[in-house]
Amino acid sequence: MAFTLDDVLEGVRASRAHFLKHLDGLQDEQWDWKPYPECKSVRETVAHLVTDDRAALFSLETGKEPDYEALAVEPGRDSARLRALLDESHARLCEAIRTRCATAPLDADVCIYGSPMKLARGIAYLSSEDFYHAGQVAFIRMATDPAWDYYAAIYGGE
């Protein structure tokens, strides 16, 4: 069977689910911890991903470079609210890809983050953000809680 847009979207959703596993059980103090002042905290990273989702959606819809500052979300102190914004921004992005690209071949030209590229390549960019930031969160988790078992938490085993 041929690789389809549904397969692509399944990959985008799977990469976000992988990122979200890193937030499960995160303690309040871990949301704002930074190894260095110039690093992003988990809270800032989640807000960044909301902005990324919004920026990718903007580019997909307009073909233009997004204004990241205008699309940015203030992290705030409410972690549950921030998680809800992340879920909503990702759902909107996935739905836009599904509806706008439903009949497009995977080599169709799209605009992601202001850069023209083939649809399949743009999807890889979206997923790479989740995997990259999952690593940042994993680092913070391990640095602040040496007992946190990365492999058990993320992959369900040792």
C-alpha atoms as a PDB file:
ATOM      1  CA  MET A   1       0.000   0.000   0.000  1.00  0.00           C
ATOM      2  CA  ALA A   2       1.283   3.492  -0.842  1.00  0.00           C
ATOM      3  CA  PHE A   3       2.411   5.943   1.826  1.00  0.00           C
ATOM      4  CA  THR A   4      -0.392   8.493   2.266  1.00  0.00           C
ATOM      5  CA  LEU A   5      -1.140  11.790   3.934  1.00  0.00           C
ATOM      6  CA  ASP A   6      -2.810   9.823   6.732  1.00  0.00           C
ATOM      7  CA  ASP A   7       0.509   8.051   7.329  1.00  0.00           C
ATOM      8  CA  VAL A   8       2.266  11.410   7.417  1.00  0.00           C
ATOM      9  CA  LEU A   9      -0.215  12.831   9.905  1.00  0.00           C
ATOM     10  CA  GLU A  10       0.110   9.720  12.042  1.00  0.00           C
ATOM     11  CA  GLY A  11       3.843  10.456  12.207  1.00  0.00           C
ATOM     12  CA  VAL A  12       3.236  14.087  13.199  1.00  0.00           C
ATOM     13  CA  ARG A  13       0.842  13.024  15.938  1.00  0.00           C
ATOM     14  CA  ALA A  14       3.248  10.298  17.095  1.00  0.00           C
ATOM     15  CA  SER A  15       6.138  12.757  17.403  1.00  0.00           C
ATOM     16  CA  ARG A  16       3.988  15.060  19.558  1.00  0.00           C
ATOM     17  CA  ALA A  17       2.833  12.107  21.671  1.00  0.00           C
ATOM     18  CA  HIS A  18       6.501  11.211  22.164  1.00  0.00           C
ATOM     19  CA  PHE A  19       7.204  14.752  23.366  1.00  0.00           C
ATOM     20  CA  LEU A  20       4.192  14.722  25.692  1.00  0.00           C
ATOM     21  CA  LYS A  21       5.397  11.538  27.413  1.00  0.00           C
ATOM     22  CA  HIS A  22       8.293  13.611  28.682  1.00  0.00           C
ATOM     23  CA  LEU A  23       5.865  15.888  30.533  1.00  0.00           C
ATOM     24  CA  ASP A  24       4.006  13.072  32.312  1.00  0.00           C
ATOM     25  CA  GLY A  25       4.687  13.287  36.037  1.00  0.00           C
ATOM     26  CA  LEU A  26       6.705  16.490  35.749  1.00  0.00           C
ATOM     27  CA  GLN A  27       6.950  18.114  39.178  1.00  0.00           C
ATOM     28  CA  ASP A  28       6.008  21.785  39.637  1.00  0.00           C
ATOM     29  CA  GLU A  29       9.581  22.864  40.296  1.00  0.00           C
ATOM     30  CA  GLN A  30      10.824  21.112  37.154  1.00  0.00           C
ATOM     31  CA  TRP A  31       8.669  23.300  34.881  1.00  0.00           C
ATOM     32  CA  ASP A  32      10.898  26.333  35.483  1.00  0.00           C
ATOM     33  CA  TRP A  33      14.331  24.821  36.153  1.00  0.00           C
ATOM     34  CA  LYS A  34      17.162  25.760  33.785  1.00  0.00           C
ATOM     35  CA  PRO A  35      20.677  24.332  33.715  1.00  0.00           C
ATOM     36  CA  TYR A  36      21.939  27.722  32.496  1.00  0.00           C
ATOM     37  CA  PRO A  37      20.212  31.121  32.326  1.00  0.00           C
ATOM     38  CA  GLU A  38      20.175  31.177  28.507  1.00  0.00           C
ATOM     39  CA  CYS A  39      18.456  27.760  28.234  1.00  0.00           C
ATOM     40  CA  LYS A  40      14.699  27.334  27.937  1.00  0.00           C
ATOM     41  CA  SER A  41      12.796  25.885  30.860  1.00  0.00           C
ATOM     42  CA  VAL A  42      10.203  23.184  30.208  1.00  0.00           C
ATOM     43  CA  ARG A  43       7.505  25.847  30.508  1.00  0.00           C
ATOM     44  CA  GLU A  44       9.254  28.020  27.911  1.00  0.00           C
ATOM     45  CA  THR A  45       9.795  24.993  25.668  1.00  0.00           C
ATOM     46  CA  VAL A  46       6.091  24.121  25.714  1.00  0.00           C
ATOM     47  CA  ALA A  47       5.203  27.738  24.922  1.00  0.00           C
ATOM     48  CA  HIS A  48       7.766  27.632  22.103  1.00  0.00           C
ATOM     49  CA  LEU A  49       6.085  24.562  20.607  1.00  0.00           C
ATOM     50  CA  VAL A  50       2.715  26.339  20.683  1.00  0.00           C
ATOM     51  CA  THR A  51       4.344  29.192  18.784  1.00  0.00           C
ATOM     52  CA  ASP A  52       5.915  26.729  16.338  1.00  0.00           C
ATOM     53  CA  ASP A  53       2.541  25.106  15.678  1.00  0.00           C
ATOM     54  CA  ARG A  54       0.977  28.512  15.091  1.00  0.00           C
ATOM     55  CA  ALA A  55       3.861  29.593  12.835  1.00  0.00           C
ATOM     56  CA  ALA A  56       3.676  26.422  10.738  1.00  0.00           C
ATOM     57  CA  LEU A  57      -0.088  26.860  10.404  1.00  0.00           C
ATOM     58  CA  PHE A  58       0.320  30.500   9.388  1.00  0.00           C
ATOM     59  CA  SER A  59       2.894  29.604   6.720  1.00  0.00           C
ATOM     60  CA  LEU A  60       0.823  26.697   5.447  1.00  0.00           C
ATOM     61  CA  GLU A  61      -2.212  28.952   5.073  1.00  0.00           C
ATOM     62  CA  THR A  62      -0.479  32.045   3.676  1.00  0.00           C
ATOM     63  CA  GLY A  63       2.782  30.886   2.108  1.00  0.00           C
ATOM     64  CA  LYS A  64       4.539  33.631   4.095  1.00  0.00           C
ATOM     65  CA  GLU A  65       7.165  33.987   6.788  1.00  0.00           C
ATOM     66  CA  PRO A  66       5.416  34.051  10.171  1.00  0.00           C
ATOM     67  CA  ASP A  67       5.770  36.858  12.672  1.00  0.00           C
ATOM     68  CA  TYR A  68       6.870  34.705  15.589  1.00  0.00           C
ATOM     69  CA  GLU A  69       6.440  37.468  18.145  1.00  0.00           C
ATOM     70  CA  ALA A  70       2.824  38.042  17.105  1.00  0.00           C
ATOM     71  CA  LEU A  71       2.112  34.301  17.294  1.00  0.00           C
ATOM     72  CA  ALA A  72       3.940  33.716  20.580  1.00  0.00           C
ATOM     73  CA  VAL A  73       2.117  32.613  23.676  1.00  0.00           C
ATOM     74  CA  GLU A  74       3.130  33.851  27.102  1.00  0.00           C
ATOM     75  CA  PRO A  75       4.011  30.753  29.153  1.00  0.00           C
ATOM     76  CA  GLY A  76       2.233  31.956  32.278  1.00  0.00           C
ATOM     77  CA  ARG A  77       2.205  29.976  35.505  1.00  0.00           C
ATOM     78  CA  ASP A  78      -0.664  27.589  34.726  1.00  0.00           C
ATOM     79  CA  SER A  79       0.894  24.397  33.357  1.00  0.00           C
ATOM     80  CA  ALA A  80      -2.489  22.826  32.609  1.00  0.00           C
ATOM     81  CA  ARG A  81      -3.505  25.861  30.547  1.00  0.00           C
ATOM     82  CA  LEU A  82      -0.225  25.711  28.641  1.00  0.00           C
ATOM     83  CA  ARG A  83      -0.712  21.997  27.922  1.00  0.00           C
ATOM     84  CA  ALA A  84      -4.247  22.729  26.667  1.00  0.00           C
ATOM     85  CA  LEU A  85      -2.881  25.430  24.351  1.00  0.00           C
ATOM     86  CA  LEU A  86      -0.317  22.954  23.041  1.00  0.00           C
ATOM     87  CA  ASP A  87      -2.961  20.319  22.375  1.00  0.00           C
ATOM     88  CA  GLU A  88      -5.177  22.876  20.642  1.00  0.00           C
ATOM     89  CA  SER A  89      -2.422  24.356  18.467  1.00  0.00           C
ATOM     90  CA  HIS A  90      -1.289  20.922  17.339  1.00  0.00           C
ATOM     91  CA  ALA A  91      -4.833  19.762  16.593  1.00  0.00           C
ATOM     92  CA  ARG A  92      -5.418  22.895  14.483  1.00  0.00           C
ATOM     93  CA  LEU A  93      -2.169  22.342  12.590  1.00  0.00           C
ATOM     94  CA  CYS A  94      -2.909  18.662  11.911  1.00  0.00           C
ATOM     95  CA  GLU A  95      -6.447  19.481  10.783  1.00  0.00           C
ATOM     96  CA  ALA A  96      -5.150  22.172   8.422  1.00  0.00           C
ATOM     97  CA  ILE A  97      -2.659  19.749   6.922  1.00  0.00           C
ATOM     98  CA  ARG A  98      -5.395  17.147   6.540  1.00  0.00           C
ATOM     99  CA  THR A  99      -7.855  19.516   4.845  1.00  0.00           C
ATOM    100  CA  ARG A 100      -5.438  21.627   2.778  1.00  0.00           C
ATOM    101  CA  CYS A 101      -3.312  18.726   1.594  1.00  0.00           C
ATOM    102  CA  ALA A 102      -5.946  15.977   1.346  1.00  0.00           C
ATOM    103  CA  THR A 103      -5.506  15.500  -2.393  1.00  0.00           C
ATOM    104  CA  ALA A 104      -1.939  16.757  -2.679  1.00  0.00           C
ATOM    105  CA  PRO A 105       0.896  14.367  -3.443  1.00  0.00           C
ATOM    106  CA  LEU A 106       3.644  14.172  -0.840  1.00  0.00           C
ATOM    107  CA  ASP A 107       5.941  16.050  -3.222  1.00  0.00           C
ATOM    108  CA  ALA A 108       3.537  19.006  -3.463  1.00  0.00           C
ATOM    109  CA  ASP A 109       4.999  22.416  -2.683  1.00  0.00           C
ATOM    110  CA  VAL A 110       3.983  23.875   0.687  1.00  0.00           C
ATOM    111  CA  CYS A 111       5.353  26.540   2.984  1.00  0.00           C
ATOM    112  CA  ILE A 112       6.440  25.570   6.496  1.00  0.00           C
ATOM    113  CA  TYR A 113       7.968  28.133   8.878  1.00  0.00           C
ATOM    114  CA  GLY A 114       8.183  30.561   5.937  1.00  0.00           C
ATOM    115  CA  SER A 115      10.247  28.229   3.754  1.00  0.00           C
ATOM    116  CA  PRO A 116       8.918  26.634   0.579  1.00  0.00           C
ATOM    117  CA  MET A 117       9.491  22.878   0.492  1.00  0.00           C
ATOM    118  CA  LYS A 118       7.883  19.598  -0.455  1.00  0.00           C
ATOM    119  CA  LEU A 119       5.065  18.437   1.808  1.00  0.00           C
ATOM    120  CA  ALA A 120       6.898  15.312   3.012  1.00  0.00           C
ATOM    121  CA  ARG A 121       9.984  17.367   3.915  1.00  0.00           C
ATOM    122  CA  GLY A 122       7.862  19.942   5.749  1.00  0.00           C
ATOM    123  CA  ILE A 123       6.286  17.190   7.802  1.00  0.00           C
ATOM    124  CA  ALA A 124       9.744  15.987   8.811  1.00  0.00           C
ATOM    125  CA  TYR A 125      10.527  19.522  10.008  1.00  0.00           C
ATOM    126  CA  LEU A 126       7.402  19.525  12.174  1.00  0.00           C
ATOM    127  CA  SER A 127       8.285  16.194  13.769  1.00  0.00           C
ATOM    128  CA  SER A 128      11.916  17.147  14.305  1.00  0.00           C
ATOM    129  CA  GLU A 129      10.826  19.998  16.578  1.00  0.00           C
ATOM    130  CA  ASP A 130       9.033  17.565  18.877  1.00  0.00           C
ATOM    131  CA  PHE A 131      11.956  15.144  19.042  1.00  0.00           C
ATOM    132  CA  TYR A 132      14.508  17.902  19.590  1.00  0.00           C
ATOM    133  CA  HIS A 133      12.533  19.462  22.420  1.00  0.00           C
ATOM    134  CA  ALA A 134      11.793  16.061  23.962  1.00  0.00           C
ATOM    135  CA  GLY A 135      15.546  15.749  24.431  1.00  0.00           C
ATOM    136  CA  GLN A 136      15.652  19.087  26.219  1.00  0.00           C
ATOM    137  CA  VAL A 137      12.887  18.058  28.585  1.00  0.00           C
ATOM    138  CA  ALA A 138      14.528  14.673  29.186  1.00  0.00           C
ATOM    139  CA  PHE A 139      17.755  16.429  30.144  1.00  0.00           C
ATOM    140  CA  ILE A 140      15.923  18.627  32.648  1.00  0.00           C
ATOM    141  CA  ARG A 141      14.067  15.634  34.074  1.00  0.00           C
ATOM    142  CA  MET A 142      17.256  13.631  34.549  1.00  0.00           C
ATOM    143  CA  ALA A 143      19.183  16.607  35.970  1.00  0.00           C
ATOM    144  CA  THR A 144      16.498  17.437  38.525  1.00  0.00           C
ATOM    145  CA  ASP A 145      15.427  13.881  39.386  1.00  0.00           C
ATOM    146  CA  PRO A 146      18.217  11.299  39.092  1.00  0.00           C
ATOM    147  CA  ALA A 147      15.703   8.566  40.000  1.00  0.00           C
ATOM    148  CA  TRP A 148      13.602   9.298  36.894  1.00  0.00           C
ATOM    149  CA  ASP A 149      13.916   6.263  34.647  1.00  0.00           C
ATOM    150  CA  TYR A 150      13.943   7.659  31.113  1.00  0.00           C
ATOM    151  CA  TYR A 151      13.543   4.337  29.331  1.00  0.00           C
ATOM    152  CA  ALA A 152      10.711   3.127  31.543  1.00  0.00           C
ATOM    153  CA  ALA A 153       8.903   6.459  31.362  1.00  0.00           C
ATOM    154  CA  ILE A 154       9.232   6.951  27.616  1.00  0.00           C
ATOM    155  CA  TYR A 155       9.442   3.441  26.197  1.00  0.00           C
ATOM    156  CA  GLY A 156       7.762   1.432  28.929  1.00  0.00           C
ATOM    157  CA  GLY A 157      10.710  -0.770  29.776  1.00  0.00           C
ATOM    158  CA  GLU A 158      14.351  -0.895  30.654  1.00  0.00           C
END
